[in-house]
C-alpha atoms as a PDB file:
ATOM      1  CA  LEU A   1      54.787  51.810 -60.154  1.00  0.00           C
ATOM      2  CA  LEU A   2      57.657  49.391 -60.222  1.00  0.00           C
ATOM      3  CA  HIS A   3      58.066  49.609 -56.438  1.00  0.00           C
ATOM      4  CA  ILE A   4      54.549  48.253 -55.794  1.00  0.00           C
ATOM      5  CA  ALA A   5      55.424  44.630 -56.657  1.00  0.00           C
ATOM      6  CA  TYR A   6      58.546  44.803 -54.518  1.00  0.00           C
ATOM      7  CA  SER A   7      56.586  46.358 -51.645  1.00  0.00           C
ATOM      8  CA  ILE A   8      53.920  43.646 -51.772  1.00  0.00           C
ATOM      9  CA  GLN A   9      56.614  40.978 -51.848  1.00  0.00           C
ATOM     10  CA  GLU A  10      58.347  42.485 -48.804  1.00  0.00           C
ATOM     11  CA  THR A  11      55.341  43.434 -46.636  1.00  0.00           C
ATOM     12  CA  GLY A  12      52.685  40.935 -47.640  1.00  0.00           C
ATOM     13  CA  PRO A  13      49.213  41.481 -49.005  1.00  0.00           C
ATOM     14  CA  PRO A  14      48.005  45.092 -49.299  1.00  0.00           C
ATOM     15  CA  TRP A  15      44.928  44.520 -47.118  1.00  0.00           C
ATOM     16  CA  ALA A  16      47.249  43.775 -44.207  1.00  0.00           C
ATOM     17  CA  THR A  17      49.341  46.935 -44.575  1.00  0.00           C
ATOM     18  CA  TRP A  18      46.808  49.579 -45.579  1.00  0.00           C
ATOM     19  CA  GLN A  19      46.917  52.907 -43.777  1.00  0.00           C
ATOM     20  CA  PHE A  20      43.120  53.354 -43.801  1.00  0.00           C
ATOM     21  CA  PRO A  21      42.448  51.412 -40.560  1.00  0.00           C
ATOM     22  CA  ILE A  22      45.148  53.395 -38.756  1.00  0.00           C
ATOM     23  CA  GLU A  23      43.848  56.697 -40.155  1.00  0.00           C
ATOM     24  CA  ARG A  24      40.342  55.761 -39.008  1.00  0.00           C
ATOM     25  CA  LEU A  25      41.694  55.102 -35.523  1.00  0.00           C
ATOM     26  CA  PHE A  26      43.490  58.460 -35.507  1.00  0.00           C
ATOM     27  CA  GLY A  27      40.237  60.086 -36.569  1.00  0.00           C
ATOM     28  CA  MET A  28      38.618  58.658 -33.451  1.00  0.00           C
ATOM     29  CA  LEU A  29      41.517  59.570 -31.094  1.00  0.00           C
ATOM     30  CA  ILE A  30      42.365  63.106 -32.227  1.00  0.00           C
ATOM     31  CA  PRO A  31      39.118  64.639 -30.845  1.00  0.00           C
ATOM     32  CA  LEU A  32      39.953  63.218 -27.416  1.00  0.00           C
ATOM     33  CA  VAL A  33      43.120  65.310 -27.085  1.00  0.00           C
ATOM     34  CA  HIS A  34      42.456  68.697 -25.503  1.00  0.00           C
ATOM     35  CA  SER A  35      45.924  69.552 -24.166  1.00  0.00           C
ATOM     36  CA  ARG A  36      48.732  70.986 -26.277  1.00  0.00           C
ATOM     37  CA  GLN A  37      51.357  70.694 -23.529  1.00  0.00           C
ATOM     38  CA  HIS A  38      50.706  67.050 -22.587  1.00  0.00           C
ATOM     39  CA  PRO A  39      48.741  65.436 -25.424  1.00  0.00           C
ATOM     40  CA  TYR A  40      49.802  61.865 -24.684  1.00  0.00           C
ATOM     41  CA  THR A  41      48.902  62.073 -20.998  1.00  0.00           C
ATOM     42  CA  ASN A  42      45.574  63.653 -21.897  1.00  0.00           C
ATOM     43  CA  LEU A  43      44.864  60.937 -24.463  1.00  0.00           C
ATOM     44  CA  ILE A  44      45.686  58.160 -21.979  1.00  0.00           C
ATOM     45  CA  ASN A  45      43.398  59.746 -19.386  1.00  0.00           C
ATOM     46  CA  GLN A  46      40.551  60.129 -21.866  1.00  0.00           C
ATOM     47  CA  ILE A  47      40.859  56.500 -23.031  1.00  0.00           C
ATOM     48  CA  THR A  48      41.038  55.264 -19.433  1.00  0.00           C
ATOM     49  CA  MET A  49      37.901  57.193 -18.513  1.00  0.00           C
ATOM     50  CA  TRP A  50      36.124  55.858 -21.622  1.00  0.00           C
ATOM     51  CA  LEU A  51      37.092  52.258 -20.760  1.00  0.00           C
ATOM     52  CA  GLN A  52      36.040  52.680 -17.115  1.00  0.00           C
ATOM     53  CA  PHE A  53      32.674  54.067 -18.242  1.00  0.00           C
ATOM     54  CA  ALA A  54      32.237  51.195 -20.706  1.00  0.00           C
ATOM     55  CA  HIS A  55      33.054  48.739 -17.940  1.00  0.00           C
ATOM     56  CA  LEU A  56      30.334  50.188 -15.706  1.00  0.00           C
ATOM     57  CA  GLN A  57      27.628  49.651 -18.286  1.00  0.00           C
END
């Protein structure tokens, strides 16, 4: 527990460094990956298609 005060002093307020927003984002991105060999390429393609579709609406 002693490291918490030091961590807050070094990184700023806890609301700015919480992992929950990042974990929520990962929860949205993980289902988009369908390739085990090229997951990053697959993710980029899925996001690009999603953005293009959103742009058409």
